[in-house]
Amino acid sequence: DTVSEFKSEDGAVHVIERRCKLDVDAPRLLKRIAGVDYVYFIQK
């Protein structure tokens, strides 16, 4: 999902920040112990 986006008037600078969702390749039991099904990170 796009969190924020900026474009300069002349188009030379473009900054985009996203919240990304990953499915970790781990056994279901390990995911239950960790308490998550997905891992989230912010990318700019």
ModelCIF file with pLDDT and N, C-alpha, C, O atoms, coordinates in Angstrom:
data_MODEL
#
_entry.id   MODEL 
#
_entity.id                         1 
_entity.type                       polymer 
_entity.pdbx_number_of_molecules   1 
#
_entity_poly.entity_id                      1 
_entity_poly.type                           'polypeptide(L)' 
_entity_poly.nstd_linkage                   no 
_entity_poly.nstd_monomer                   no 
_entity_poly.pdbx_seq_one_letter_code       DTVSEFKSEDGAVHVIERRCKLDVDAPRLLKRIAGVDYVYFIQK 
_entity_poly.pdbx_seq_one_letter_code_can   DTVSEFKSEDGAVHVIERRCKLDVDAPRLLKRIAGVDYVYFIQK 
_entity_poly.pdbx_strand_id                 A 
#
loop_
_entity_poly_seq.entity_id 
_entity_poly_seq.num 
_entity_poly_seq.mon_id 
_entity_poly_seq.hetero 
1 1  ASP n 
1 2  THR n 
1 3  VAL n 
1 4  SER n 
1 5  GLU n 
1 6  PHE n 
1 7  LYS n 
1 8  SER n 
1 9  GLU n 
1 10 ASP n 
1 11 GLY n 
1 12 ALA n 
1 13 VAL n 
1 14 HIS n 
1 15 VAL n 
1 16 ILE n 
1 17 GLU n 
1 18 ARG n 
1 19 ARG n 
1 20 CYS n 
1 21 LYS n 
1 22 LEU n 
1 23 ASP n 
1 24 VAL n 
1 25 ASP n 
1 26 ALA n 
1 27 PRO n 
1 28 ARG n 
1 29 LEU n 
1 30 LEU n 
1 31 LYS n 
1 32 ARG n 
1 33 ILE n 
1 34 ALA n 
1 35 GLY n 
1 36 VAL n 
1 37 ASP n 
1 38 TYR n 
1 39 VAL n 
1 40 TYR n 
1 41 PHE n 
1 42 ILE n 
1 43 GLN n 
1 44 LYS n 
#
_struct_asym.id          A 
_struct_asym.entity_id   1 
#
loop_
_ma_qa_metric.id 
_ma_qa_metric.mode 
_ma_qa_metric.name 
_ma_qa_metric.software_group_id 
_ma_qa_metric.type 
1 global pLDDT . pLDDT 
2 local  pLDDT . pLDDT 
#
_ma_qa_metric_global.metric_id      1 
_ma_qa_metric_global.metric_value   87.52 
_ma_qa_metric_global.model_id       1 
_ma_qa_metric_global.ordinal_id     1 
#
loop_
_ma_qa_metric_local.label_asym_id 
_ma_qa_metric_local.label_comp_id 
_ma_qa_metric_local.label_seq_id 
_ma_qa_metric_local.metric_id 
_ma_qa_metric_local.metric_value 
_ma_qa_metric_local.model_id 
_ma_qa_metric_local.ordinal_id 
A ASP 1  2 96.00 1 1  
A THR 2  2 97.00 1 2  
A VAL 3  2 96.00 1 3  
A SER 4  2 97.00 1 4  
A GLU 5  2 98.00 1 5  
A PHE 6  2 98.00 1 6  
A LYS 7  2 97.00 1 7  
A SER 8  2 97.00 1 8  
A GLU 9  2 96.00 1 9  
A ASP 10 2 96.00 1 10 
A GLY 11 2 95.00 1 11 
A ALA 12 2 97.00 1 12 
A VAL 13 2 98.00 1 13 
A HIS 14 2 98.00 1 14 
A VAL 15 2 98.00 1 15 
A ILE 16 2 98.00 1 16 
A GLU 17 2 98.00 1 17 
A ARG 18 2 97.00 1 18 
A ARG 19 2 96.00 1 19 
A CYS 20 2 94.00 1 20 
A LYS 21 2 93.00 1 21 
A LEU 22 2 86.00 1 22 
A ASP 23 2 85.00 1 23 
A VAL 24 2 77.00 1 24 
A ASP 25 2 76.00 1 25 
A ALA 26 2 73.00 1 26 
A PRO 27 2 75.00 1 27 
A ARG 28 2 74.00 1 28 
A LEU 29 2 70.00 1 29 
A LEU 30 2 67.00 1 30 
A LYS 31 2 69.00 1 31 
A ARG 32 2 72.00 1 32 
A ILE 33 2 69.00 1 33 
A ALA 34 2 69.00 1 34 
A GLY 35 2 74.00 1 35 
A VAL 36 2 75.00 1 36 
A ASP 37 2 78.00 1 37 
A TYR 38 2 83.00 1 38 
A VAL 39 2 85.00 1 39 
A TYR 40 2 88.00 1 40 
A PHE 41 2 90.00 1 41 
A ILE 42 2 94.00 1 42 
A GLN 43 2 95.00 1 43 
A LYS 44 2 97.00 1 44 
#
loop_
_atom_site.group_PDB 
_atom_site.id 
_atom_site.type_symbol 
_atom_site.label_atom_id 
_atom_site.label_alt_id 
_atom_site.label_comp_id 
_atom_site.label_asym_id 
_atom_site.label_entity_id 
_atom_site.label_seq_id 
_atom_site.pdbx_PDB_ins_code 
_atom_site.Cartn_x 
_atom_site.Cartn_y 
_atom_site.Cartn_z 
_atom_site.occupancy 
_atom_site.B_iso_or_equiv 
_atom_site.pdbx_formal_charge 
_atom_site.auth_seq_id 
_atom_site.auth_comp_id 
_atom_site.auth_asym_id 
_atom_site.auth_atom_id 
_atom_site.pdbx_PDB_model_num 
ATOM 1   N N  . ASP A 1 1  ? 0.857  -1.179  0.000   1.00 96.00 ? 1  ASP A N  1 
ATOM 2   C CA . ASP A 1 1  ? 0.000  0.000   0.000   1.00 96.00 ? 1  ASP A CA 1 
ATOM 3   C C  . ASP A 1 1  ? 0.892  1.227   0.000   1.00 96.00 ? 1  ASP A C  1 
ATOM 4   O O  . ASP A 1 1  ? 1.894  1.272   0.713   1.00 96.00 ? 1  ASP A O  1 
ATOM 5   N N  . THR A 1 2  ? 0.530  2.221   -0.797  1.00 97.00 ? 2  THR A N  1 
ATOM 6   C CA . THR A 1 2  ? 1.283  3.468   -0.821  1.00 97.00 ? 2  THR A CA 1 
ATOM 7   C C  . THR A 1 2  ? 0.940  4.282   0.415   1.00 97.00 ? 2  THR A C  1 
ATOM 8   O O  . THR A 1 2  ? -0.227 4.588   0.659   1.00 97.00 ? 2  THR A O  1 
ATOM 9   N N  . VAL A 1 3  ? 1.957  4.634   1.194   1.00 96.00 ? 3  VAL A N  1 
ATOM 10  C CA . VAL A 1 3  ? 1.788  5.429   2.407   1.00 96.00 ? 3  VAL A CA 1 
ATOM 11  C C  . VAL A 1 3  ? 1.869  6.912   2.056   1.00 96.00 ? 3  VAL A C  1 
ATOM 12  O O  . VAL A 1 3  ? 1.046  7.707   2.510   1.00 96.00 ? 3  VAL A O  1 
ATOM 13  N N  . SER A 1 4  ? 2.864  7.282   1.245   1.00 97.00 ? 4  SER A N  1 
ATOM 14  C CA . SER A 1 4  ? 3.006  8.674   0.812   1.00 97.00 ? 4  SER A CA 1 
ATOM 15  C C  . SER A 1 4  ? 3.734  8.707   -0.526  1.00 97.00 ? 4  SER A C  1 
ATOM 16  O O  . SER A 1 4  ? 4.435  7.766   -0.898  1.00 97.00 ? 4  SER A O  1 
ATOM 17  N N  . GLU A 1 5  ? 3.547  9.819   -1.240  1.00 98.00 ? 5  GLU A N  1 
ATOM 18  C CA . GLU A 1 5  ? 4.201  9.985   -2.533  1.00 98.00 ? 5  GLU A CA 1 
ATOM 19  C C  . GLU A 1 5  ? 4.448  11.468  -2.776  1.00 98.00 ? 5  GLU A C  1 
ATOM 20  O O  . GLU A 1 5  ? 3.603  12.309  -2.470  1.00 98.00 ? 5  GLU A O  1 
ATOM 21  N N  . PHE A 1 6  ? 5.625  11.779  -3.333  1.00 98.00 ? 6  PHE A N  1 
ATOM 22  C CA . PHE A 1 6  ? 5.988  13.150  -3.644  1.00 98.00 ? 6  PHE A CA 1 
ATOM 23  C C  . PHE A 1 6  ? 6.630  13.176  -5.028  1.00 98.00 ? 6  PHE A C  1 
ATOM 24  O O  . PHE A 1 6  ? 7.471  12.335  -5.347  1.00 98.00 ? 6  PHE A O  1 
ATOM 25  N N  . LYS A 1 7  ? 6.225  14.152  -5.849  1.00 97.00 ? 7  LYS A N  1 
ATOM 26  C CA . LYS A 1 7  ? 6.860  14.399  -7.146  1.00 97.00 ? 7  LYS A CA 1 
ATOM 27  C C  . LYS A 1 7  ? 7.161  15.885  -7.241  1.00 97.00 ? 7  LYS A C  1 
ATOM 28  O O  . LYS A 1 7  ? 6.291  16.718  -6.987  1.00 97.00 ? 7  LYS A O  1 
ATOM 29  N N  . SER A 1 8  ? 8.396  16.216  -7.607  1.00 97.00 ? 8  SER A N  1 
ATOM 30  C CA . SER A 1 8  ? 8.739  17.627  -7.782  1.00 97.00 ? 8  SER A CA 1 
ATOM 31  C C  . SER A 1 8  ? 8.032  18.172  -9.019  1.00 97.00 ? 8  SER A C  1 
ATOM 32  O O  . SER A 1 8  ? 7.612  17.413  -9.893  1.00 97.00 ? 8  SER A O  1 
ATOM 33  N N  . GLU A 1 9  ? 7.908  19.469  -9.080  1.00 96.00 ? 9  GLU A N  1 
ATOM 34  C CA . GLU A 1 9  ? 7.201  20.097  -10.204 1.00 96.00 ? 9  GLU A CA 1 
ATOM 35  C C  . GLU A 1 9  ? 7.840  19.787  -11.544 1.00 96.00 ? 9  GLU A C  1 
ATOM 36  O O  . GLU A 1 9  ? 7.139  19.596  -12.539 1.00 96.00 ? 9  GLU A O  1 
ATOM 37  N N  . ASP A 1 10 ? 9.162  19.735  -11.580 1.00 96.00 ? 10 ASP A N  1 
ATOM 38  C CA . ASP A 1 10 ? 9.849  19.452  -12.845 1.00 96.00 ? 10 ASP A CA 1 
ATOM 39  C C  . ASP A 1 10 ? 9.976  17.955  -13.132 1.00 96.00 ? 10 ASP A C  1 
ATOM 40  O O  . ASP A 1 10 ? 10.483 17.572  -14.186 1.00 96.00 ? 10 ASP A O  1 
ATOM 41  N N  . GLY A 1 11 ? 9.520  17.106  -12.206 1.00 95.00 ? 11 GLY A N  1 
ATOM 42  C CA . GLY A 1 11 ? 9.546  15.659  -12.403 1.00 95.00 ? 11 GLY A CA 1 
ATOM 43  C C  . GLY A 1 11 ? 10.894 15.015  -12.155 1.00 95.00 ? 11 GLY A C  1 
ATOM 44  O O  . GLY A 1 11 ? 11.055 13.815  -12.377 1.00 95.00 ? 11 GLY A O  1 
ATOM 45  N N  . ALA A 1 12 ? 11.871 15.792  -11.697 1.00 97.00 ? 12 ALA A N  1 
ATOM 46  C CA . ALA A 1 12 ? 13.215 15.250  -11.493 1.00 97.00 ? 12 ALA A CA 1 
ATOM 47  C C  . ALA A 1 12 ? 13.310 14.381  -10.244 1.00 97.00 ? 12 ALA A C  1 
ATOM 48  O O  . ALA A 1 12 ? 14.125 13.461  -10.189 1.00 97.00 ? 12 ALA A O  1 
ATOM 49  N N  . VAL A 1 13 ? 12.486 14.665  -9.246  1.00 98.00 ? 13 VAL A N  1 
ATOM 50  C CA . VAL A 1 13 ? 12.532 13.916  -7.989  1.00 98.00 ? 13 VAL A CA 1 
ATOM 51  C C  . VAL A 1 13 ? 11.195 13.231  -7.756  1.00 98.00 ? 13 VAL A C  1 
ATOM 52  O O  . VAL A 1 13 ? 10.139 13.858  -7.841  1.00 98.00 ? 13 VAL A O  1 
ATOM 53  N N  . HIS A 1 14 ? 11.252 11.952  -7.463  1.00 98.00 ? 14 HIS A N  1 
ATOM 54  C CA . HIS A 1 14 ? 10.046 11.166  -7.175  1.00 98.00 ? 14 HIS A CA 1 
ATOM 55  C C  . HIS A 1 14 ? 10.345 10.288  -5.956  1.00 98.00 ? 14 HIS A C  1 
ATOM 56  O O  . HIS A 1 14 ? 11.244 9.448   -5.990  1.00 98.00 ? 14 HIS A O  1 
ATOM 57  N N  . VAL A 1 15 ? 9.586  10.492  -4.889  1.00 98.00 ? 15 VAL A N  1 
ATOM 58  C CA . VAL A 1 15 ? 9.758  9.729   -3.653  1.00 98.00 ? 15 VAL A CA 1 
ATOM 59  C C  . VAL A 1 15 ? 8.443  9.032   -3.341  1.00 98.00 ? 15 VAL A C  1 
ATOM 60  O O  . VAL A 1 15 ? 7.387  9.664   -3.297  1.00 98.00 ? 15 VAL A O  1 
ATOM 61  N N  . ILE A 1 16 ? 8.517  7.736   -3.126  1.00 98.00 ? 16 ILE A N  1 
ATOM 62  C CA . ILE A 1 16 ? 7.315  6.972   -2.788  1.00 98.00 ? 16 ILE A CA 1 
ATOM 63  C C  . ILE A 1 16 ? 7.626  6.059   -1.608  1.00 98.00 ? 16 ILE A C  1 
ATOM 64  O O  . ILE A 1 16 ? 8.667  5.403   -1.569  1.00 98.00 ? 16 ILE A O  1 
ATOM 65  N N  . GLU A 1 17 ? 6.712  6.030   -0.654  1.00 98.00 ? 17 GLU A N  1 
ATOM 66  C CA . GLU A 1 17 ? 6.863  5.188   0.532   1.00 98.00 ? 17 GLU A CA 1 
ATOM 67  C C  . GLU A 1 17 ? 5.718  4.189   0.557   1.00 98.00 ? 17 GLU A C  1 
ATOM 68  O O  . GLU A 1 17 ? 4.553  4.555   0.399   1.00 98.00 ? 17 GLU A O  1 
ATOM 69  N N  . ARG A 1 18 ? 6.067  2.914   0.761   1.00 97.00 ? 18 ARG A N  1 
ATOM 70  C CA . ARG A 1 18 ? 5.073  1.839   0.735   1.00 97.00 ? 18 ARG A CA 1 
ATOM 71  C C  . ARG A 1 18 ? 5.169  0.986   1.997   1.00 97.00 ? 18 ARG A C  1 
ATOM 72  O O  . ARG A 1 18 ? 6.234  0.844   2.599   1.00 97.00 ? 18 ARG A O  1 
ATOM 73  N N  . ARG A 1 19 ? 4.030  0.426   2.372   1.00 96.00 ? 19 ARG A N  1 
ATOM 74  C CA . ARG A 1 19 ? 3.981  -0.586  3.434   1.00 96.00 ? 19 ARG A CA 1 
ATOM 75  C C  . ARG A 1 19 ? 3.791  -1.924  2.726   1.00 96.00 ? 19 ARG A C  1 
ATOM 76  O O  . ARG A 1 19 ? 2.775  -2.146  2.067   1.00 96.00 ? 19 ARG A O  1 
ATOM 77  N N  . CYS A 1 20 ? 4.766  -2.808  2.864   1.00 94.00 ? 20 CYS A N  1 
ATOM 78  C CA . CYS A 1 20 ? 4.766  -4.065  2.126   1.00 94.00 ? 20 CYS A CA 1 
ATOM 79  C C  . CYS A 1 20 ? 4.473  -5.246  3.049   1.00 94.00 ? 20 CYS A C  1 
ATOM 80  O O  . CYS A 1 20 ? 4.822  -5.243  4.230   1.00 94.00 ? 20 CYS A O  1 
ATOM 81  N N  . LYS A 1 21 ? 3.825  -6.248  2.475   1.00 93.00 ? 21 LYS A N  1 
ATOM 82  C CA . LYS A 1 21 ? 3.422  -7.451  3.201   1.00 93.00 ? 21 LYS A CA 1 
ATOM 83  C C  . LYS A 1 21 ? 4.111  -8.664  2.569   1.00 93.00 ? 21 LYS A C  1 
ATOM 84  O O  . LYS A 1 21 ? 4.011  -8.894  1.364   1.00 93.00 ? 21 LYS A O  1 
ATOM 85  N N  . LEU A 1 22 ? 4.814  -9.436  3.412   1.00 86.00 ? 22 LEU A N  1 
ATOM 86  C CA . LEU A 1 22 ? 5.514  -10.625 2.948   1.00 86.00 ? 22 LEU A CA 1 
ATOM 87  C C  . LEU A 1 22 ? 5.004  -11.861 3.669   1.00 86.00 ? 22 LEU A C  1 
ATOM 88  O O  . LEU A 1 22 ? 4.664  -11.817 4.851   1.00 86.00 ? 22 LEU A O  1 
ATOM 89  N N  . ASP A 1 23 ? 4.960  -12.953 2.940   1.00 85.00 ? 23 ASP A N  1 
ATOM 90  C CA . ASP A 1 23 ? 4.657  -14.251 3.538   1.00 85.00 ? 23 ASP A CA 1 
ATOM 91  C C  . ASP A 1 23 ? 5.995  -14.941 3.774   1.00 85.00 ? 23 ASP A C  1 
ATOM 92  O O  . ASP A 1 23 ? 6.711  -15.263 2.825   1.00 85.00 ? 23 ASP A O  1 
ATOM 93  N N  . VAL A 1 24 ? 6.324  -15.163 5.028   1.00 77.00 ? 24 VAL A N  1 
ATOM 94  C CA . VAL A 1 24 ? 7.607  -15.761 5.384   1.00 77.00 ? 24 VAL A CA 1 
ATOM 95  C C  . VAL A 1 24 ? 7.537  -17.265 5.157   1.00 77.00 ? 24 VAL A C  1 
ATOM 96  O O  . VAL A 1 24 ? 6.555  -17.916 5.515   1.00 77.00 ? 24 VAL A O  1 
ATOM 97  N N  . ASP A 1 25 ? 8.585  -17.801 4.561   1.00 76.00 ? 25 ASP A N  1 
ATOM 98  C CA . ASP A 1 25 ? 8.655  -19.238 4.308   1.00 76.00 ? 25 ASP A CA 1 
ATOM 99  C C  . ASP A 1 25 ? 9.103  -19.934 5.592   1.00 76.00 ? 25 ASP A C  1 
ATOM 100 O O  . ASP A 1 25 ? 10.288 -20.198 5.796   1.00 76.00 ? 25 ASP A O  1 
ATOM 101 N N  . ALA A 1 26 ? 8.125  -20.224 6.450   1.00 73.00 ? 26 ALA A N  1 
ATOM 102 C CA . ALA A 1 26 ? 8.404  -20.881 7.733   1.00 73.00 ? 26 ALA A CA 1 
ATOM 103 C C  . ALA A 1 26 ? 7.269  -21.853 8.040   1.00 73.00 ? 26 ALA A C  1 
ATOM 104 O O  . ALA A 1 26 ? 6.144  -21.656 7.579   1.00 73.00 ? 26 ALA A O  1 
ATOM 105 N N  . PRO A 1 27 ? 7.551  -22.886 8.804   1.00 75.00 ? 27 PRO A N  1 
ATOM 106 C CA . PRO A 1 27 ? 6.493  -23.827 9.170   1.00 75.00 ? 27 PRO A CA 1 
ATOM 107 C C  . PRO A 1 27 ? 5.368  -23.130 9.944   1.00 75.00 ? 27 PRO A C  1 
ATOM 108 O O  . PRO A 1 27 ? 5.601  -22.163 10.669  1.00 75.00 ? 27 PRO A O  1 
ATOM 109 N N  . ARG A 1 28 ? 4.168  -23.633 9.776   1.00 74.00 ? 28 ARG A N  1 
ATOM 110 C CA . ARG A 1 28 ? 2.975  -23.041 10.404  1.00 74.00 ? 28 ARG A CA 1 
ATOM 111 C C  . ARG A 1 28 ? 3.121  -22.956 11.925  1.00 74.00 ? 28 ARG A C  1 
ATOM 112 O O  . ARG A 1 28 ? 2.700  -21.969 12.529  1.00 74.00 ? 28 ARG A O  1 
ATOM 113 N N  . LEU A 1 29 ? 3.706  -23.967 12.543  1.00 70.00 ? 29 LEU A N  1 
ATOM 114 C CA . LEU A 1 29 ? 3.898  -23.980 13.992  1.00 70.00 ? 29 LEU A CA 1 
ATOM 115 C C  . LEU A 1 29 ? 4.788  -22.820 14.437  1.00 70.00 ? 29 LEU A C  1 
ATOM 116 O O  . LEU A 1 29 ? 4.507  -22.164 15.441  1.00 70.00 ? 29 LEU A O  1 
ATOM 117 N N  . LEU A 1 30 ? 5.859  -22.572 13.687  1.00 67.00 ? 30 LEU A N  1 
ATOM 118 C CA . LEU A 1 30 ? 6.761  -21.468 14.004  1.00 67.00 ? 30 LEU A CA 1 
ATOM 119 C C  . LEU A 1 30 ? 6.034  -20.121 13.876  1.00 67.00 ? 30 LEU A C  1 
ATOM 120 O O  . LEU A 1 30 ? 6.241  -19.228 14.697  1.00 67.00 ? 30 LEU A O  1 
ATOM 121 N N  . LYS A 1 31 ? 5.196  -19.976 12.861  1.00 69.00 ? 31 LYS A N  1 
ATOM 122 C CA . LYS A 1 31 ? 4.417  -18.744 12.691  1.00 69.00 ? 31 LYS A CA 1 
ATOM 123 C C  . LYS A 1 31 ? 3.459  -18.550 13.866  1.00 69.00 ? 31 LYS A C  1 
ATOM 124 O O  . LYS A 1 31 ? 3.254  -17.425 14.323  1.00 69.00 ? 31 LYS A O  1 
ATOM 125 N N  . ARG A 1 32 ? 2.876  -19.637 14.353  1.00 72.00 ? 32 ARG A N  1 
ATOM 126 C CA . ARG A 1 32 ? 1.961  -19.541 15.507  1.00 72.00 ? 32 ARG A CA 1 
ATOM 127 C C  . ARG A 1 32 ? 2.706  -19.126 16.766  1.00 72.00 ? 32 ARG A C  1 
ATOM 128 O O  . ARG A 1 32 ? 2.209  -18.315 17.547  1.00 72.00 ? 32 ARG A O  1 
ATOM 129 N N  . ILE A 1 33 ? 3.898  -19.680 16.964  1.00 69.00 ? 33 ILE A N  1 
ATOM 130 C CA . ILE A 1 33 ? 4.706  -19.327 18.136  1.00 69.00 ? 33 ILE A CA 1 
ATOM 131 C C  . ILE A 1 33 ? 5.086  -17.844 18.078  1.00 69.00 ? 33 ILE A C  1 
ATOM 132 O O  . ILE A 1 33 ? 5.039  -17.146 19.091  1.00 69.00 ? 33 ILE A O  1 
ATOM 133 N N  . ALA A 1 34 ? 5.462  -17.369 16.887  1.00 69.00 ? 34 ALA A N  1 
ATOM 134 C CA . ALA A 1 34 ? 5.839  -15.959 16.719  1.00 69.00 ? 34 ALA A CA 1 
ATOM 135 C C  . ALA A 1 34 ? 4.619  -15.047 16.764  1.00 69.00 ? 34 ALA A C  1 
ATOM 136 O O  . ALA A 1 34 ? 4.744  -13.853 17.035  1.00 69.00 ? 34 ALA A O  1 
ATOM 137 N N  . GLY A 1 35 ? 3.441  -15.605 16.500  1.00 74.00 ? 35 GLY A N  1 
ATOM 138 C CA . GLY A 1 35 ? 2.208  -14.824 16.549  1.00 74.00 ? 35 GLY A CA 1 
ATOM 139 C C  . GLY A 1 35 ? 1.931  -14.008 15.306  1.00 74.00 ? 35 GLY A C  1 
ATOM 140 O O  . GLY A 1 35 ? 1.177  -13.037 15.361  1.00 74.00 ? 35 GLY A O  1 
ATOM 141 N N  . VAL A 1 36 ? 2.533  -14.388 14.173  1.00 75.00 ? 36 VAL A N  1 
ATOM 142 C CA . VAL A 1 36 ? 2.312  -13.653 12.924  1.00 75.00 ? 36 VAL A CA 1 
ATOM 143 C C  . VAL A 1 36 ? 2.133  -14.621 11.766  1.00 75.00 ? 36 VAL A C  1 
ATOM 144 O O  . VAL A 1 36 ? 2.709  -15.708 11.740  1.00 75.00 ? 36 VAL A O  1 
ATOM 145 N N  . ASP A 1 37 ? 1.324  -14.199 10.817  1.00 78.00 ? 37 ASP A N  1 
ATOM 146 C CA . ASP A 1 37 ? 1.208  -14.935 9.556   1.00 78.00 ? 37 ASP A CA 1 
ATOM 147 C C  . ASP A 1 37 ? 2.008  -14.242 8.463   1.00 78.00 ? 37 ASP A C  1 
ATOM 148 O O  . ASP A 1 37 ? 2.511  -14.886 7.542   1.00 78.00 ? 37 ASP A O  1 
ATOM 149 N N  . TYR A 1 38 ? 2.120  -12.920 8.576   1.00 83.00 ? 38 TYR A N  1 
ATOM 150 C CA . TYR A 1 38 ? 2.830  -12.120 7.585   1.00 83.00 ? 38 TYR A CA 1 
ATOM 151 C C  . TYR A 1 38 ? 3.803  -11.175 8.279   1.00 83.00 ? 38 TYR A C  1 
ATOM 152 O O  . TYR A 1 38 ? 3.645  -10.851 9.456   1.00 83.00 ? 38 TYR A O  1 
ATOM 153 N N  . VAL A 1 39 ? 4.802  -10.743 7.538   1.00 85.00 ? 39 VAL A N  1 
ATOM 154 C CA . VAL A 1 39 ? 5.770  -9.767  8.028   1.00 85.00 ? 39 VAL A CA 1 
ATOM 155 C C  . VAL A 1 39 ? 5.560  -8.480  7.234   1.00 85.00 ? 39 VAL A C  1 
ATOM 156 O O  . VAL A 1 39 ? 5.417  -8.510  6.012   1.00 85.00 ? 39 VAL A O  1 
ATOM 157 N N  . TYR A 1 40 ? 5.544  -7.353  7.939   1.00 88.00 ? 40 TYR A N  1 
ATOM 158 C CA . TYR A 1 40 ? 5.351  -6.055  7.301   1.00 88.00 ? 40 TYR A CA 1 
ATOM 159 C C  . TYR A 1 40 ? 6.621  -5.224  7.418   1.00 88.00 ? 40 TYR A C  1 
ATOM 160 O O  . TYR A 1 40 ? 7.313  -5.264  8.436   1.00 88.00 ? 40 TYR A O  1 
ATOM 161 N N  . PHE A 1 41 ? 6.922  -4.467  6.356   1.00 90.00 ? 41 PHE A N  1 
ATOM 162 C CA . PHE A 1 41 ? 8.035  -3.533  6.406   1.00 90.00 ? 41 PHE A CA 1 
ATOM 163 C C  . PHE A 1 41 ? 7.693  -2.293  5.596   1.00 90.00 ? 41 PHE A C  1 
ATOM 164 O O  . PHE A 1 41 ? 6.814  -2.321  4.734   1.00 90.00 ? 41 PHE A O  1 
ATOM 165 N N  . ILE A 1 42 ? 8.397  -1.209  5.881   1.00 94.00 ? 42 ILE A N  1 
ATOM 166 C CA . ILE A 1 42 ? 8.209  0.058   5.188   1.00 94.00 ? 42 ILE A CA 1 
ATOM 167 C C  . ILE A 1 42 ? 9.369  0.224   4.211   1.00 94.00 ? 42 ILE A C  1 
ATOM 168 O O  . ILE A 1 42 ? 10.531 0.063   4.586   1.00 94.00 ? 42 ILE A O  1 
ATOM 169 N N  . GLN A 1 43 ? 9.053  0.545   2.965   1.00 95.00 ? 43 GLN A N  1 
ATOM 170 C CA . GLN A 1 43 ? 10.073 0.754   1.944   1.00 95.00 ? 43 GLN A CA 1 
ATOM 171 C C  . GLN A 1 43 ? 9.895  2.147   1.350   1.00 95.00 ? 43 GLN A C  1 
ATOM 172 O O  . GLN A 1 43 ? 8.786  2.545   0.992   1.00 95.00 ? 43 GLN A O  1 
ATOM 173 N N  . LYS A 1 44 ? 11.011 2.888   1.249   1.00 97.00 ? 44 LYS A N  1 
ATOM 174 C CA . LYS A 1 44 ? 10.989 4.234   0.681   1.00 97.00 ? 44 LYS A CA 1 
ATOM 175 C C  . LYS A 1 44 ? 11.947 4.270   -0.499  1.00 97.00 ? 44 LYS A C  1 
ATOM 176 O O  . LYS A 1 44 ? 12.097 5.309   -1.141  1.00 97.00 ? 44 LYS A O  1 
#
